[in-house]
């Protein structure tokens, strides 16, 4: 069995690499992190496959979210070759809960599946409304 801490650490390292704008803009670097069967559901519910994510992120047409910050990252080793990560991101006031599955392959730990769900900031108790933003425009989280 793979050491659980090693798999979780590798998945966290990979996820943090994907937050780097240089990685997100490079087909070669994305190729090193995304599993051949990678799929994603973005904050709007749109389903993306690996080729579309790489093409969109590296084409220059993808919206640039600016500085992405991650928080509350937590990993669980589900099986010998599978790690589940959960974390939150924020960019330009937009927040998302994120969930990723990382699989161990001959090439190392690769991102197999990712889902992002937008969420609002804590409700404003003065008027009962939420102070956050709605879903962002559709784009891959990559």
C-alpha atoms as a PDB file:
ATOM      1  CA  UNK A   1       0.000   0.000   0.000  1.00  0.00           C
ATOM      2  CA  UNK A   2       1.165   3.513  -0.794  1.00  0.00           C
ATOM      3  CA  UNK A   3       1.984   5.609   2.252  1.00  0.00           C
ATOM      4  CA  UNK A   4      -1.154   7.793   2.795  1.00  0.00           C
ATOM      5  CA  UNK A   5       0.788  10.907   3.782  1.00  0.00           C
ATOM      6  CA  UNK A   6       2.903  10.667   0.614  1.00  0.00           C
ATOM      7  CA  UNK A   7      -0.143  10.482  -1.664  1.00  0.00           C
ATOM      8  CA  UNK A   8      -1.908  13.365   0.077  1.00  0.00           C
ATOM      9  CA  UNK A   9       1.260  15.492  -0.014  1.00  0.00           C
ATOM     10  CA  UNK A  10       1.746  14.777  -3.737  1.00  0.00           C
ATOM     11  CA  UNK A  11      -1.883  15.668  -4.499  1.00  0.00           C
ATOM     12  CA  UNK A  12      -1.629  18.915  -2.534  1.00  0.00           C
ATOM     13  CA  UNK A  13       1.611  19.795  -4.329  1.00  0.00           C
ATOM     14  CA  UNK A  14      -0.039  19.104  -7.690  1.00  0.00           C
ATOM     15  CA  UNK A  15      -3.101  21.173  -6.824  1.00  0.00           C
ATOM     16  CA  UNK A  16      -0.925  24.104  -5.760  1.00  0.00           C
ATOM     17  CA  UNK A  17       0.999  23.823  -9.046  1.00  0.00           C
ATOM     18  CA  UNK A  18      -2.292  24.189 -10.905  1.00  0.00           C
ATOM     19  CA  UNK A  19      -2.906  27.518  -9.146  1.00  0.00           C
ATOM     20  CA  UNK A  20       0.295  28.875 -10.730  1.00  0.00           C
ATOM     21  CA  UNK A  21      -0.526  31.014 -13.804  1.00  0.00           C
ATOM     22  CA  UNK A  22       2.622  29.725 -15.559  1.00  0.00           C
ATOM     23  CA  UNK A  23       1.404  26.127 -15.244  1.00  0.00           C
ATOM     24  CA  UNK A  24      -2.123  27.047 -16.350  1.00  0.00           C
ATOM     25  CA  UNK A  25      -0.721  28.725 -19.486  1.00  0.00           C
ATOM     26  CA  UNK A  26       1.512  25.827 -20.548  1.00  0.00           C
ATOM     27  CA  UNK A  27       0.199  22.780 -22.404  1.00  0.00           C
ATOM     28  CA  UNK A  28       3.382  20.886 -21.503  1.00  0.00           C
ATOM     29  CA  UNK A  29       3.033  21.604 -17.788  1.00  0.00           C
ATOM     30  CA  UNK A  30      -0.699  20.823 -17.774  1.00  0.00           C
ATOM     31  CA  UNK A  31       0.078  17.579 -19.588  1.00  0.00           C
ATOM     32  CA  UNK A  32       2.332  16.603 -16.656  1.00  0.00           C
ATOM     33  CA  UNK A  33      -0.458  17.122 -14.088  1.00  0.00           C
ATOM     34  CA  UNK A  34      -3.727  16.091 -15.780  1.00  0.00           C
ATOM     35  CA  UNK A  35      -4.646  12.400 -16.078  1.00  0.00           C
ATOM     36  CA  UNK A  36      -5.388  11.216 -19.663  1.00  0.00           C
ATOM     37  CA  UNK A  37      -9.032  10.627 -18.605  1.00  0.00           C
ATOM     38  CA  UNK A  38      -9.357  13.953 -16.743  1.00  0.00           C
ATOM     39  CA  UNK A  39     -12.796  15.567 -16.483  1.00  0.00           C
ATOM     40  CA  UNK A  40     -14.016  18.642 -14.663  1.00  0.00           C
ATOM     41  CA  UNK A  41     -17.266  20.321 -13.694  1.00  0.00           C
ATOM     42  CA  UNK A  42     -16.751  24.095 -13.428  1.00  0.00           C
ATOM     43  CA  UNK A  43     -18.568  26.619 -11.237  1.00  0.00           C
ATOM     44  CA  UNK A  44     -21.397  26.929 -13.777  1.00  0.00           C
ATOM     45  CA  UNK A  45     -21.952  23.184 -14.028  1.00  0.00           C
ATOM     46  CA  UNK A  46     -20.304  22.855 -17.440  1.00  0.00           C
ATOM     47  CA  UNK A  47     -18.462  19.569 -18.072  1.00  0.00           C
ATOM     48  CA  UNK A  48     -14.950  19.816 -19.501  1.00  0.00           C
ATOM     49  CA  UNK A  49     -12.635  17.109 -20.829  1.00  0.00           C
ATOM     50  CA  UNK A  50      -8.847  17.165 -20.692  1.00  0.00           C
ATOM     51  CA  UNK A  51      -8.230  18.331 -24.262  1.00  0.00           C
ATOM     52  CA  UNK A  52     -10.748  21.172 -23.988  1.00  0.00           C
ATOM     53  CA  UNK A  53      -9.296  22.343 -20.675  1.00  0.00           C
ATOM     54  CA  UNK A  54      -5.749  22.392 -22.033  1.00  0.00           C
ATOM     55  CA  UNK A  55      -6.786  24.094 -25.291  1.00  0.00           C
ATOM     56  CA  UNK A  56      -8.875  26.722 -23.491  1.00  0.00           C
ATOM     57  CA  UNK A  57      -6.333  27.543 -20.800  1.00  0.00           C
ATOM     58  CA  UNK A  58      -3.419  27.814 -23.231  1.00  0.00           C
ATOM     59  CA  UNK A  59      -5.230  29.603 -26.079  1.00  0.00           C
ATOM     60  CA  UNK A  60      -5.153  33.017 -24.481  1.00  0.00           C
ATOM     61  CA  UNK A  61      -8.958  33.165 -24.782  1.00  0.00           C
ATOM     62  CA  UNK A  62      -9.606  31.901 -21.259  1.00  0.00           C
ATOM     63  CA  UNK A  63     -10.511  34.523 -18.676  1.00  0.00           C
ATOM     64  CA  UNK A  64      -7.663  35.039 -16.246  1.00  0.00           C
ATOM     65  CA  UNK A  65      -9.014  34.849 -12.708  1.00  0.00           C
ATOM     66  CA  UNK A  66      -6.118  36.825 -11.274  1.00  0.00           C
ATOM     67  CA  UNK A  67      -4.458  35.643  -8.107  1.00  0.00           C
ATOM     68  CA  UNK A  68      -6.129  32.468  -6.869  1.00  0.00           C
ATOM     69  CA  UNK A  69      -5.766  31.802  -3.174  1.00  0.00           C
ATOM     70  CA  UNK A  70      -6.492  28.423  -1.647  1.00  0.00           C
ATOM     71  CA  UNK A  71      -7.552  27.708   1.908  1.00  0.00           C
ATOM     72  CA  UNK A  72      -8.831  24.843   4.051  1.00  0.00           C
ATOM     73  CA  UNK A  73      -7.024  22.237   1.929  1.00  0.00           C
ATOM     74  CA  UNK A  74      -7.579  18.737   3.265  1.00  0.00           C
ATOM     75  CA  UNK A  75      -6.699  15.381   1.767  1.00  0.00           C
ATOM     76  CA  UNK A  76      -7.879  11.834   2.430  1.00  0.00           C
ATOM     77  CA  UNK A  77      -6.215   8.728   1.046  1.00  0.00           C
ATOM     78  CA  UNK A  78      -9.231   6.707  -0.153  1.00  0.00           C
ATOM     79  CA  UNK A  79      -7.339   3.753  -1.624  1.00  0.00           C
ATOM     80  CA  UNK A  80      -3.794   2.751  -2.595  1.00  0.00           C
ATOM     81  CA  UNK A  81      -3.957   4.803  -5.782  1.00  0.00           C
ATOM     82  CA  UNK A  82      -6.607   7.422  -4.976  1.00  0.00           C
ATOM     83  CA  UNK A  83      -6.555  10.671  -2.976  1.00  0.00           C
ATOM     84  CA  UNK A  84      -9.494  13.034  -2.456  1.00  0.00           C
ATOM     85  CA  UNK A  85      -8.715  16.711  -1.827  1.00  0.00           C
ATOM     86  CA  UNK A  86     -11.151  19.388  -0.725  1.00  0.00           C
ATOM     87  CA  UNK A  87     -10.356  23.078  -0.465  1.00  0.00           C
ATOM     88  CA  UNK A  88     -11.712  26.550  -1.099  1.00  0.00           C
ATOM     89  CA  UNK A  89     -10.441  29.165  -3.537  1.00  0.00           C
ATOM     90  CA  UNK A  90     -11.008  32.867  -3.881  1.00  0.00           C
ATOM     91  CA  UNK A  91     -10.211  35.176  -6.786  1.00  0.00           C
ATOM     92  CA  UNK A  92     -11.553  38.682  -7.277  1.00  0.00           C
ATOM     93  CA  UNK A  93     -14.138  38.155  -4.537  1.00  0.00           C
ATOM     94  CA  UNK A  94     -15.496  34.936  -6.041  1.00  0.00           C
ATOM     95  CA  UNK A  95     -15.280  31.836  -3.911  1.00  0.00           C
ATOM     96  CA  UNK A  96     -15.582  28.157  -4.721  1.00  0.00           C
ATOM     97  CA  UNK A  97     -15.577  24.927  -2.760  1.00  0.00           C
ATOM     98  CA  UNK A  98     -13.394  22.498  -4.691  1.00  0.00           C
ATOM     99  CA  UNK A  99     -13.103  18.740  -4.757  1.00  0.00           C
ATOM    100  CA  UNK A 100     -10.409  16.802  -6.628  1.00  0.00           C
ATOM    101  CA  UNK A 101      -9.548  13.157  -7.148  1.00  0.00           C
ATOM    102  CA  UNK A 102      -5.895  12.326  -7.739  1.00  0.00           C
ATOM    103  CA  UNK A 103      -4.813   8.931  -9.112  1.00  0.00           C
ATOM    104  CA  UNK A 104      -1.417   7.307  -8.833  1.00  0.00           C
ATOM    105  CA  UNK A 105      -0.123   6.277 -12.265  1.00  0.00           C
ATOM    106  CA  UNK A 106       3.218   5.171 -13.668  1.00  0.00           C
ATOM    107  CA  UNK A 107       3.870   8.889 -14.261  1.00  0.00           C
ATOM    108  CA  UNK A 108       3.071   9.765 -10.636  1.00  0.00           C
ATOM    109  CA  UNK A 109       0.016  11.400  -9.057  1.00  0.00           C
ATOM    110  CA  UNK A 110      -2.258  12.957 -11.702  1.00  0.00           C
ATOM    111  CA  UNK A 111      -5.469  14.946 -11.397  1.00  0.00           C
ATOM    112  CA  UNK A 112      -8.295  12.656 -12.522  1.00  0.00           C
ATOM    113  CA  UNK A 113     -11.424  14.677 -11.654  1.00  0.00           C
ATOM    114  CA  UNK A 114     -12.184  18.171 -10.370  1.00  0.00           C
ATOM    115  CA  UNK A 115     -15.387  19.941  -9.399  1.00  0.00           C
ATOM    116  CA  UNK A 116     -15.918  23.536  -8.293  1.00  0.00           C
ATOM    117  CA  UNK A 117     -19.046  24.824  -6.596  1.00  0.00           C
ATOM    118  CA  UNK A 118     -19.453  28.574  -6.073  1.00  0.00           C
ATOM    119  CA  UNK A 119     -20.457  29.803  -2.646  1.00  0.00           C
ATOM    120  CA  UNK A 120     -21.331  33.129  -1.139  1.00  0.00           C
ATOM    121  CA  UNK A 121     -19.705  34.816   1.816  1.00  0.00           C
ATOM    122  CA  UNK A 122     -21.326  34.353   5.189  1.00  0.00           C
ATOM    123  CA  UNK A 123     -24.837  35.831   5.266  1.00  0.00           C
ATOM    124  CA  UNK A 124     -25.145  39.417   6.423  1.00  0.00           C
ATOM    125  CA  UNK A 125     -27.160  39.122   9.630  1.00  0.00           C
ATOM    126  CA  UNK A 126     -28.417  42.704   9.387  1.00  0.00           C
ATOM    127  CA  UNK A 127     -30.707  42.022   6.417  1.00  0.00           C
ATOM    128  CA  UNK A 128     -30.505  38.248   5.931  1.00  0.00           C
ATOM    129  CA  UNK A 129     -28.989  38.514   2.454  1.00  0.00           C
ATOM    130  CA  UNK A 130     -25.752  37.065   1.252  1.00  0.00           C
ATOM    131  CA  UNK A 131     -22.823  39.382   0.665  1.00  0.00           C
ATOM    132  CA  UNK A 132     -21.115  37.127  -1.896  1.00  0.00           C
ATOM    133  CA  UNK A 133     -21.223  36.864  -5.637  1.00  0.00           C
ATOM    134  CA  UNK A 134     -23.095  34.475  -7.880  1.00  0.00           C
ATOM    135  CA  UNK A 135     -21.471  31.937 -10.173  1.00  0.00           C
ATOM    136  CA  UNK A 136     -18.549  33.050 -12.250  1.00  0.00           C
ATOM    137  CA  UNK A 137     -18.462  32.821 -16.010  1.00  0.00           C
ATOM    138  CA  UNK A 138     -17.825  29.315 -17.274  1.00  0.00           C
ATOM    139  CA  UNK A 139     -14.163  28.478 -17.568  1.00  0.00           C
ATOM    140  CA  UNK A 140     -12.119  25.462 -16.653  1.00  0.00           C
ATOM    141  CA  UNK A 141     -10.529  25.376 -13.252  1.00  0.00           C
ATOM    142  CA  UNK A 142      -7.801  23.182 -14.705  1.00  0.00           C
END
